[in-house]
């Protein structure tokens, strides 16, 4: 029998994933989610060595699991995403055309960006879909099915923290630091 574990943006405060302690600050650094997943005993998932098939932020999570705990996965299929990021590499300037592709990271570094993302989350997500996949002519129904995942009350806090962590503006989860 073949076993796989799929993760994508669903792994990042999407749908019904909520924090057990709402008083605890939301922390999302590169190793927080992979550490949590890798800490699960294989019997919990009933998958001894999964094939990790992941996209976007889920790809980052899977890439880190495969790199740090290769004995925990059979294979990796990683699409898009951020590979394995680091604050150090994030300090390196890029040519202007490359920096333009990451405009929203700088927007999210501000309170205005956090408030704007919260207020216009649906419109923002649609814009990113269009920019990231300019040749994909998705219909409203397809987008709406996926965009519903971002209605989670923790979603904005996690996204903002993640981008601010990448820029070195906030601390990550101490237990998950690399």
N, C-alpha and C. Protein backbone atom coordinates (compact mmCIF):
# COMPACT_ATOMS: atom_id res chain seq x y z
N UNK A 1 0.84 -1.17 0.00
CA UNK A 1 0.00 0.00 0.00
C UNK A 1 0.89 1.24 0.00
N UNK A 2 0.53 2.23 -0.82
CA UNK A 2 1.30 3.47 -0.88
C UNK A 2 0.69 4.47 0.08
N UNK A 3 1.52 5.20 0.76
CA UNK A 3 1.05 6.19 1.72
C UNK A 3 1.65 7.54 1.39
N UNK A 4 0.87 8.57 1.59
CA UNK A 4 1.39 9.91 1.34
C UNK A 4 0.80 10.88 2.35
N UNK A 5 1.46 11.98 2.53
CA UNK A 5 0.99 13.04 3.40
C UNK A 5 1.02 14.30 2.56
N UNK A 6 -0.11 14.95 2.42
CA UNK A 6 -0.21 16.15 1.60
C UNK A 6 -0.34 17.36 2.49
N UNK A 7 0.42 18.38 2.20
CA UNK A 7 0.30 19.61 2.97
C UNK A 7 0.53 20.80 2.05
N UNK A 8 -0.13 21.86 2.31
CA UNK A 8 -0.02 23.08 1.51
C UNK A 8 -0.38 24.24 2.40
N UNK A 9 -1.04 25.22 1.88
CA UNK A 9 -1.47 26.33 2.72
C UNK A 9 -2.44 25.84 3.79
N UNK A 10 -3.03 24.67 3.59
CA UNK A 10 -3.92 24.11 4.61
C UNK A 10 -3.18 23.93 5.93
N UNK A 11 -1.86 23.82 5.88
CA UNK A 11 -1.11 23.59 7.11
C UNK A 11 -0.86 24.88 7.87
N UNK A 12 -1.30 26.01 7.35
CA UNK A 12 -0.98 27.28 7.95
C UNK A 12 -2.24 28.06 8.31
N UNK A 13 -2.84 27.70 9.43
CA UNK A 13 -4.02 28.39 9.94
C UNK A 13 -5.12 28.49 8.91
N UNK A 14 -5.36 27.43 8.23
CA UNK A 14 -6.44 27.41 7.26
C UNK A 14 -7.58 26.56 7.80
N UNK A 15 -8.75 26.90 7.40
CA UNK A 15 -9.97 26.19 7.80
C UNK A 15 -10.09 26.12 9.32
N UNK A 16 -10.18 24.92 9.86
CA UNK A 16 -10.50 24.78 11.28
C UNK A 16 -9.29 24.59 12.17
N UNK A 17 -8.07 24.79 11.66
CA UNK A 17 -6.88 24.67 12.49
C UNK A 17 -6.79 25.90 13.38
N UNK A 18 -6.92 25.72 14.69
CA UNK A 18 -6.85 26.83 15.63
C UNK A 18 -5.82 26.51 16.71
N UNK A 19 -5.32 27.54 17.34
CA UNK A 19 -4.36 27.34 18.40
C UNK A 19 -5.06 26.96 19.69
N UNK A 20 -4.46 26.04 20.42
CA UNK A 20 -5.03 25.57 21.68
C UNK A 20 -5.04 26.67 22.72
N UNK A 21 -4.06 27.55 22.71
CA UNK A 21 -3.96 28.61 23.69
C UNK A 21 -4.02 29.96 22.98
N UNK A 22 -5.20 30.60 22.92
CA UNK A 22 -5.31 31.86 22.20
C UNK A 22 -4.52 32.99 22.84
N UNK A 23 -4.11 32.86 24.11
CA UNK A 23 -3.33 33.90 24.77
C UNK A 23 -1.86 33.87 24.36
N UNK A 24 -1.42 32.74 23.81
CA UNK A 24 -0.02 32.60 23.42
C UNK A 24 0.21 33.28 22.07
N UNK A 25 1.25 34.07 21.94
CA UNK A 25 1.52 34.73 20.67
C UNK A 25 1.71 33.72 19.54
N UNK A 26 1.26 34.09 18.37
CA UNK A 26 1.40 33.24 17.20
C UNK A 26 2.84 33.35 16.71
N UNK A 27 3.51 32.25 16.53
CA UNK A 27 4.88 32.24 16.03
C UNK A 27 4.95 31.29 14.84
N UNK A 28 5.53 31.76 13.75
CA UNK A 28 5.66 30.91 12.56
C UNK A 28 7.04 31.18 11.98
N UNK A 29 8.02 30.45 12.43
CA UNK A 29 9.31 30.54 11.80
C UNK A 29 9.54 29.24 11.03
N UNK A 30 10.62 29.20 10.26
CA UNK A 30 10.82 28.11 9.31
C UNK A 30 10.74 26.72 9.90
N UNK A 31 11.12 26.54 11.14
CA UNK A 31 11.19 25.19 11.67
C UNK A 31 10.04 24.83 12.61
N UNK A 32 9.13 25.77 12.89
CA UNK A 32 8.05 25.50 13.84
C UNK A 32 7.13 24.37 13.37
N UNK A 33 6.56 24.50 12.18
CA UNK A 33 5.64 23.46 11.68
C UNK A 33 6.36 22.13 11.42
N UNK A 34 7.52 22.13 10.77
CA UNK A 34 8.20 20.85 10.57
C UNK A 34 8.54 20.14 11.88
N UNK A 35 8.94 20.89 12.89
CA UNK A 35 9.26 20.28 14.18
C UNK A 35 8.04 19.63 14.79
N UNK A 36 6.89 20.31 14.67
CA UNK A 36 5.65 19.76 15.21
C UNK A 36 5.25 18.48 14.49
N UNK A 37 5.36 18.48 13.18
CA UNK A 37 4.98 17.30 12.40
C UNK A 37 5.97 16.16 12.65
N UNK A 38 7.26 16.47 12.64
CA UNK A 38 8.27 15.42 12.85
C UNK A 38 8.18 14.82 14.25
N UNK A 39 7.66 15.57 15.20
CA UNK A 39 7.54 15.06 16.57
C UNK A 39 6.40 14.04 16.71
N UNK A 40 5.50 14.00 15.73
CA UNK A 40 4.42 13.01 15.79
C UNK A 40 4.99 11.61 15.62
N UNK A 41 4.61 10.69 16.48
CA UNK A 41 5.05 9.31 16.27
C UNK A 41 4.41 8.77 14.98
N UNK A 42 5.12 7.96 14.20
CA UNK A 42 4.56 7.42 12.96
C UNK A 42 3.21 6.74 13.17
N UNK A 43 2.99 6.13 14.32
CA UNK A 43 1.72 5.44 14.54
C UNK A 43 0.56 6.42 14.63
N UNK A 44 0.82 7.69 14.99
CA UNK A 44 -0.24 8.69 15.07
C UNK A 44 -0.87 8.91 13.70
N UNK A 45 -0.03 9.03 12.69
CA UNK A 45 -0.52 9.24 11.33
C UNK A 45 -0.83 7.93 10.61
N UNK A 46 -0.41 6.83 11.22
CA UNK A 46 -0.56 5.51 10.61
C UNK A 46 0.17 5.45 9.26
N UNK A 47 1.24 6.22 9.19
CA UNK A 47 2.09 6.23 8.00
C UNK A 47 3.53 6.18 8.52
N UNK A 48 4.21 5.08 8.27
CA UNK A 48 5.57 4.92 8.78
C UNK A 48 6.54 5.90 8.11
N UNK A 49 6.59 5.88 6.79
CA UNK A 49 7.49 6.77 6.03
C UNK A 49 6.69 7.33 4.85
N UNK A 50 6.04 8.48 5.04
CA UNK A 50 5.19 9.01 3.97
C UNK A 50 5.98 9.58 2.80
N UNK A 51 5.32 9.62 1.67
CA UNK A 51 5.79 10.41 0.53
C UNK A 51 5.18 11.78 0.75
N UNK A 52 6.01 12.79 0.94
CA UNK A 52 5.52 14.13 1.20
C UNK A 52 5.29 14.83 -0.14
N UNK A 53 4.06 15.23 -0.40
CA UNK A 53 3.71 15.95 -1.62
C UNK A 53 3.12 17.29 -1.20
N UNK A 54 3.87 18.36 -1.42
CA UNK A 54 3.48 19.62 -0.81
C UNK A 54 3.66 20.80 -1.76
N UNK A 55 2.97 21.89 -1.42
CA UNK A 55 2.92 23.10 -2.23
C UNK A 55 3.06 24.33 -1.34
N UNK A 56 3.70 25.35 -1.82
CA UNK A 56 3.80 26.67 -1.20
C UNK A 56 4.36 26.55 0.22
N UNK A 57 3.68 27.05 1.24
CA UNK A 57 4.22 26.97 2.60
C UNK A 57 4.33 25.52 3.05
N UNK A 58 3.45 24.67 2.58
CA UNK A 58 3.55 23.25 2.89
C UNK A 58 4.82 22.66 2.31
N UNK A 59 5.25 23.18 1.14
CA UNK A 59 6.50 22.72 0.52
C UNK A 59 7.68 23.09 1.41
N UNK A 60 7.64 24.28 1.96
CA UNK A 60 8.72 24.68 2.87
C UNK A 60 8.76 23.72 4.05
N UNK A 61 7.61 23.40 4.60
CA UNK A 61 7.54 22.48 5.73
C UNK A 61 8.10 21.11 5.34
N UNK A 62 7.65 20.59 4.21
CA UNK A 62 8.11 19.26 3.77
C UNK A 62 9.60 19.26 3.46
N UNK A 63 10.11 20.32 2.84
CA UNK A 63 11.54 20.41 2.52
C UNK A 63 12.38 20.33 3.79
N UNK A 64 11.94 21.00 4.83
CA UNK A 64 12.68 20.99 6.09
C UNK A 64 12.62 19.61 6.74
N UNK A 65 11.43 18.99 6.71
CA UNK A 65 11.32 17.63 7.27
C UNK A 65 12.27 16.69 6.54
N UNK A 66 12.26 16.75 5.21
CA UNK A 66 13.12 15.85 4.42
C UNK A 66 14.60 16.12 4.67
N UNK A 67 14.97 17.39 4.89
CA UNK A 67 16.38 17.72 5.11
C UNK A 67 16.84 17.35 6.52
N UNK A 68 16.01 17.61 7.53
CA UNK A 68 16.43 17.39 8.91
C UNK A 68 16.11 15.99 9.44
N UNK A 69 15.08 15.38 8.90
CA UNK A 69 14.66 14.06 9.36
C UNK A 69 14.43 13.15 8.15
N UNK A 70 15.45 12.87 7.35
CA UNK A 70 15.25 12.07 6.13
C UNK A 70 14.73 10.66 6.43
N UNK A 71 15.00 10.16 7.62
CA UNK A 71 14.50 8.83 7.98
C UNK A 71 12.98 8.82 8.18
N UNK A 72 12.36 10.00 8.23
CA UNK A 72 10.91 10.10 8.46
C UNK A 72 10.09 10.15 7.17
N UNK A 73 10.75 10.20 6.01
CA UNK A 73 9.97 10.25 4.76
C UNK A 73 10.63 9.38 3.69
N UNK A 74 9.78 8.82 2.84
CA UNK A 74 10.24 7.95 1.77
C UNK A 74 10.68 8.76 0.55
N UNK A 75 9.91 9.82 0.24
CA UNK A 75 10.20 10.65 -0.92
C UNK A 75 9.56 12.02 -0.72
N UNK A 76 9.93 12.95 -1.60
CA UNK A 76 9.44 14.32 -1.51
C UNK A 76 9.07 14.83 -2.89
N UNK A 77 7.88 15.40 -3.00
CA UNK A 77 7.46 16.14 -4.20
C UNK A 77 7.15 17.54 -3.71
N UNK A 78 7.96 18.50 -4.12
CA UNK A 78 7.85 19.86 -3.62
C UNK A 78 7.58 20.81 -4.78
N UNK A 79 6.47 21.53 -4.71
CA UNK A 79 6.07 22.43 -5.79
C UNK A 79 5.97 23.84 -5.24
N UNK A 80 6.61 24.76 -5.95
CA UNK A 80 6.58 26.17 -5.59
C UNK A 80 7.17 26.34 -4.20
N UNK A 81 6.66 27.26 -3.45
CA UNK A 81 7.08 27.41 -2.08
C UNK A 81 8.38 28.17 -1.92
N UNK A 82 8.92 28.07 -0.74
CA UNK A 82 10.05 28.88 -0.34
C UNK A 82 11.29 28.06 -0.05
N UNK A 83 11.33 26.83 -0.52
CA UNK A 83 12.45 25.94 -0.26
C UNK A 83 12.73 25.91 1.23
N UNK A 84 13.94 26.18 1.63
CA UNK A 84 14.27 26.29 3.05
C UNK A 84 14.85 27.68 3.23
N UNK A 85 14.07 28.56 3.80
CA UNK A 85 14.49 29.94 3.95
C UNK A 85 15.27 30.15 5.22
N UNK A 86 15.95 31.27 5.26
CA UNK A 86 16.66 31.66 6.47
C UNK A 86 16.63 33.18 6.58
N UNK A 87 16.69 33.65 7.79
CA UNK A 87 16.74 35.10 7.98
C UNK A 87 18.02 35.67 7.37
N UNK A 88 19.09 34.92 7.45
CA UNK A 88 20.37 35.38 6.90
C UNK A 88 20.26 35.62 5.39
N UNK A 89 19.70 34.66 4.66
CA UNK A 89 19.57 34.85 3.21
C UNK A 89 18.57 35.95 2.89
N UNK A 90 17.58 36.15 3.78
CA UNK A 90 16.61 37.21 3.58
C UNK A 90 17.18 38.60 3.72
N UNK A 91 18.36 38.72 4.29
CA UNK A 91 19.02 40.03 4.44
C UNK A 91 19.76 40.45 3.18
N UNK A 92 19.94 39.51 2.27
CA UNK A 92 20.69 39.79 1.04
C UNK A 92 19.81 40.55 0.05
N UNK A 93 20.27 41.72 -0.42
CA UNK A 93 19.47 42.46 -1.39
C UNK A 93 19.43 41.74 -2.73
N UNK A 94 18.31 41.91 -3.41
CA UNK A 94 18.12 41.34 -4.74
C UNK A 94 18.02 42.47 -5.76
N UNK A 95 18.18 42.16 -7.04
CA UNK A 95 17.96 43.19 -8.05
C UNK A 95 16.52 43.71 -7.96
N UNK A 96 16.28 44.96 -8.33
CA UNK A 96 14.94 45.56 -8.19
C UNK A 96 13.81 44.72 -8.77
N UNK A 97 14.02 44.11 -9.92
CA UNK A 97 12.93 43.31 -10.52
C UNK A 97 12.58 42.11 -9.65
N UNK A 98 13.56 41.53 -8.97
CA UNK A 98 13.29 40.41 -8.06
C UNK A 98 12.61 40.91 -6.78
N UNK A 99 13.07 42.05 -6.26
CA UNK A 99 12.46 42.62 -5.05
C UNK A 99 10.98 42.93 -5.31
N UNK A 100 10.66 43.38 -6.51
CA UNK A 100 9.29 43.70 -6.85
C UNK A 100 8.37 42.49 -6.68
N UNK A 101 8.88 41.31 -6.96
CA UNK A 101 8.08 40.09 -6.83
C UNK A 101 7.68 39.82 -5.38
N UNK A 102 8.40 40.37 -4.45
CA UNK A 102 8.15 40.15 -3.02
C UNK A 102 7.56 41.38 -2.34
N UNK A 103 6.91 42.27 -3.09
CA UNK A 103 6.38 43.52 -2.54
C UNK A 103 5.53 43.31 -1.30
N UNK A 104 4.75 42.24 -1.27
CA UNK A 104 3.82 42.04 -0.16
C UNK A 104 4.55 41.74 1.15
N UNK A 105 5.77 41.20 1.08
CA UNK A 105 6.51 40.97 2.32
C UNK A 105 6.79 42.29 3.03
N UNK A 106 7.11 43.31 2.27
CA UNK A 106 7.40 44.61 2.86
C UNK A 106 6.10 45.28 3.33
N UNK A 107 5.02 45.09 2.59
CA UNK A 107 3.69 45.58 2.98
C UNK A 107 3.29 44.97 4.32
N UNK A 108 3.52 43.66 4.47
CA UNK A 108 3.15 42.97 5.70
C UNK A 108 4.02 43.38 6.89
N UNK A 109 5.13 44.04 6.65
CA UNK A 109 5.99 44.48 7.74
C UNK A 109 5.38 45.67 8.48
N UNK A 110 4.33 46.27 7.93
CA UNK A 110 3.71 47.46 8.53
C UNK A 110 2.36 47.11 9.14
N UNK A 111 1.91 47.95 10.07
CA UNK A 111 0.57 47.77 10.63
C UNK A 111 -0.48 47.97 9.54
N UNK A 112 -0.22 48.89 8.64
CA UNK A 112 -1.15 49.10 7.52
C UNK A 112 -1.29 47.83 6.69
N UNK A 113 -0.18 47.14 6.45
CA UNK A 113 -0.21 45.90 5.70
C UNK A 113 -1.01 44.82 6.42
N UNK A 114 -0.80 44.70 7.73
CA UNK A 114 -1.57 43.71 8.50
C UNK A 114 -3.06 44.03 8.43
N UNK A 115 -3.40 45.29 8.64
CA UNK A 115 -4.81 45.69 8.62
C UNK A 115 -5.41 45.53 7.22
N UNK A 116 -4.62 45.86 6.20
CA UNK A 116 -5.10 45.73 4.83
C UNK A 116 -5.31 44.27 4.45
N UNK A 117 -4.41 43.41 4.87
CA UNK A 117 -4.57 41.99 4.58
C UNK A 117 -5.80 41.43 5.28
N UNK A 118 -5.99 41.84 6.52
CA UNK A 118 -7.16 41.38 7.26
C UNK A 118 -8.45 41.86 6.60
N UNK A 119 -8.49 43.11 6.21
CA UNK A 119 -9.71 43.69 5.63
C UNK A 119 -9.99 43.17 4.21
N UNK A 120 -8.93 42.98 3.42
CA UNK A 120 -9.09 42.61 2.01
C UNK A 120 -8.50 41.23 1.72
N UNK A 121 -8.58 40.33 2.66
CA UNK A 121 -7.98 39.00 2.54
C UNK A 121 -8.39 38.28 1.26
N UNK A 122 -9.65 38.30 0.93
CA UNK A 122 -10.16 37.62 -0.27
C UNK A 122 -9.57 38.26 -1.53
N UNK A 123 -9.62 39.59 -1.63
CA UNK A 123 -9.09 40.29 -2.80
C UNK A 123 -7.58 40.10 -2.92
N UNK A 124 -6.91 40.14 -1.78
CA UNK A 124 -5.46 39.96 -1.77
C UNK A 124 -5.09 38.58 -2.28
N UNK A 125 -5.79 37.57 -1.79
CA UNK A 125 -5.51 36.19 -2.21
C UNK A 125 -5.74 36.02 -3.71
N UNK A 126 -6.79 36.61 -4.22
CA UNK A 126 -7.07 36.52 -5.66
C UNK A 126 -5.93 37.18 -6.46
N UNK A 127 -5.46 38.33 -6.00
CA UNK A 127 -4.37 39.02 -6.69
C UNK A 127 -3.11 38.15 -6.71
N UNK A 128 -2.77 37.55 -5.59
CA UNK A 128 -1.58 36.70 -5.54
C UNK A 128 -1.75 35.50 -6.47
N UNK A 129 -2.94 34.91 -6.50
CA UNK A 129 -3.20 33.80 -7.44
C UNK A 129 -2.94 34.27 -8.87
N UNK A 130 -3.44 35.45 -9.22
CA UNK A 130 -3.29 35.96 -10.59
C UNK A 130 -1.83 36.26 -10.91
N UNK A 131 -1.11 36.84 -9.96
CA UNK A 131 0.30 37.16 -10.19
C UNK A 131 1.17 35.91 -10.25
N UNK A 132 0.88 34.94 -9.40
CA UNK A 132 1.70 33.73 -9.33
C UNK A 132 1.41 32.77 -10.48
N UNK A 133 0.22 32.83 -11.03
CA UNK A 133 -0.18 31.91 -12.11
C UNK A 133 -0.88 32.69 -13.23
N UNK A 134 -0.14 33.56 -13.92
CA UNK A 134 -0.80 34.44 -14.90
C UNK A 134 -1.48 33.73 -16.06
N UNK A 135 -1.12 32.50 -16.35
CA UNK A 135 -1.74 31.78 -17.47
C UNK A 135 -2.87 30.86 -17.03
N UNK A 136 -3.13 30.82 -15.74
CA UNK A 136 -4.20 29.96 -15.23
C UNK A 136 -5.50 30.76 -15.20
N UNK A 137 -6.45 30.39 -16.01
CA UNK A 137 -7.74 31.07 -16.06
C UNK A 137 -8.73 30.35 -15.14
N UNK A 138 -8.51 30.50 -13.83
CA UNK A 138 -9.38 29.85 -12.86
C UNK A 138 -10.73 30.59 -12.80
N UNK A 139 -11.79 29.85 -12.48
CA UNK A 139 -13.10 30.48 -12.37
C UNK A 139 -13.37 30.86 -10.91
N UNK A 140 -14.44 31.63 -10.69
CA UNK A 140 -14.77 32.09 -9.35
C UNK A 140 -15.02 30.94 -8.38
N UNK A 141 -15.67 29.90 -8.85
CA UNK A 141 -15.98 28.76 -7.98
C UNK A 141 -14.71 28.08 -7.48
N UNK A 142 -13.74 27.91 -8.37
CA UNK A 142 -12.47 27.31 -7.97
C UNK A 142 -11.77 28.17 -6.93
N UNK A 143 -11.70 29.46 -7.20
CA UNK A 143 -11.05 30.36 -6.25
C UNK A 143 -11.79 30.38 -4.91
N UNK A 144 -13.10 30.50 -4.95
CA UNK A 144 -13.88 30.58 -3.72
C UNK A 144 -13.73 29.35 -2.84
N UNK A 145 -13.64 28.17 -3.46
CA UNK A 145 -13.43 26.94 -2.66
C UNK A 145 -12.11 27.01 -1.90
N UNK A 146 -11.08 27.51 -2.53
CA UNK A 146 -9.78 27.60 -1.87
C UNK A 146 -9.72 28.78 -0.91
N UNK A 147 -10.27 29.92 -1.30
CA UNK A 147 -10.20 31.12 -0.48
C UNK A 147 -10.93 30.97 0.84
N UNK A 148 -11.90 30.08 0.92
CA UNK A 148 -12.61 29.85 2.19
C UNK A 148 -11.65 29.40 3.28
N UNK A 149 -10.53 28.79 2.89
CA UNK A 149 -9.55 28.32 3.87
C UNK A 149 -8.91 29.46 4.64
N UNK A 150 -8.95 30.66 4.08
CA UNK A 150 -8.29 31.79 4.73
C UNK A 150 -9.20 32.55 5.69
N UNK A 151 -10.39 32.02 5.94
CA UNK A 151 -11.31 32.66 6.87
C UNK A 151 -11.03 32.30 8.32
N UNK A 152 -10.00 31.51 8.56
CA UNK A 152 -9.62 31.11 9.90
C UNK A 152 -9.24 32.35 10.71
N UNK A 153 -9.70 32.48 11.96
CA UNK A 153 -9.36 33.66 12.76
C UNK A 153 -7.87 33.82 13.07
N UNK A 154 -7.09 32.74 13.00
CA UNK A 154 -5.66 32.82 13.26
C UNK A 154 -4.83 33.08 12.00
N UNK A 155 -5.44 33.00 10.84
CA UNK A 155 -4.70 33.07 9.58
C UNK A 155 -3.88 34.35 9.43
N UNK A 156 -4.49 35.50 9.63
CA UNK A 156 -3.78 36.76 9.42
C UNK A 156 -2.58 36.86 10.36
N UNK A 157 -2.78 36.54 11.62
CA UNK A 157 -1.68 36.63 12.60
C UNK A 157 -0.51 35.74 12.20
N UNK A 158 -0.79 34.53 11.72
CA UNK A 158 0.28 33.62 11.33
C UNK A 158 1.01 34.12 10.10
N UNK A 159 0.27 34.55 9.10
CA UNK A 159 0.89 35.04 7.86
C UNK A 159 1.76 36.25 8.15
N UNK A 160 1.23 37.22 8.89
CA UNK A 160 1.99 38.43 9.19
C UNK A 160 3.24 38.09 9.99
N UNK A 161 3.10 37.22 10.99
CA UNK A 161 4.27 36.85 11.79
C UNK A 161 5.32 36.17 10.93
N UNK A 162 4.90 35.29 10.04
CA UNK A 162 5.85 34.58 9.19
C UNK A 162 6.67 35.54 8.35
N UNK A 163 6.02 36.47 7.69
CA UNK A 163 6.75 37.41 6.84
C UNK A 163 7.61 38.36 7.68
N UNK A 164 7.12 38.78 8.82
CA UNK A 164 7.93 39.65 9.68
C UNK A 164 9.13 38.89 10.23
N UNK A 165 8.96 37.59 10.54
CA UNK A 165 10.09 36.79 10.99
C UNK A 165 11.15 36.70 9.90
N UNK A 166 10.74 36.49 8.67
CA UNK A 166 11.69 36.39 7.56
C UNK A 166 12.54 37.64 7.43
N UNK A 167 11.92 38.79 7.75
CA UNK A 167 12.65 40.06 7.65
C UNK A 167 13.41 40.39 8.94
N UNK A 168 13.33 39.51 9.94
CA UNK A 168 14.03 39.73 11.20
C UNK A 168 13.36 40.76 12.10
N UNK A 169 12.06 40.99 11.91
CA UNK A 169 11.36 42.01 12.69
C UNK A 169 10.72 41.46 13.96
N UNK A 170 10.53 40.14 14.03
CA UNK A 170 9.94 39.51 15.21
C UNK A 170 10.70 38.23 15.51
N UNK A 171 10.55 37.73 16.74
CA UNK A 171 11.18 36.48 17.15
C UNK A 171 10.32 35.31 16.68
N UNK A 172 10.98 34.19 16.44
CA UNK A 172 10.27 32.96 16.11
C UNK A 172 9.99 32.15 17.35
N UNK A 173 9.48 30.95 17.16
CA UNK A 173 9.22 30.02 18.26
C UNK A 173 10.57 29.52 18.78
N UNK A 174 10.96 29.85 20.03
CA UNK A 174 12.28 29.48 20.53
C UNK A 174 12.59 27.99 20.46
N UNK A 175 11.60 27.12 20.74
CA UNK A 175 11.84 25.69 20.71
C UNK A 175 12.12 25.18 19.32
N UNK A 176 11.72 25.95 18.31
CA UNK A 176 11.87 25.49 16.92
C UNK A 176 12.96 26.23 16.18
N UNK A 177 13.80 26.96 16.89
CA UNK A 177 14.85 27.72 16.22
C UNK A 177 15.89 26.79 15.63
N UNK A 178 16.38 27.17 14.45
CA UNK A 178 17.42 26.37 13.78
C UNK A 178 18.77 26.70 14.35
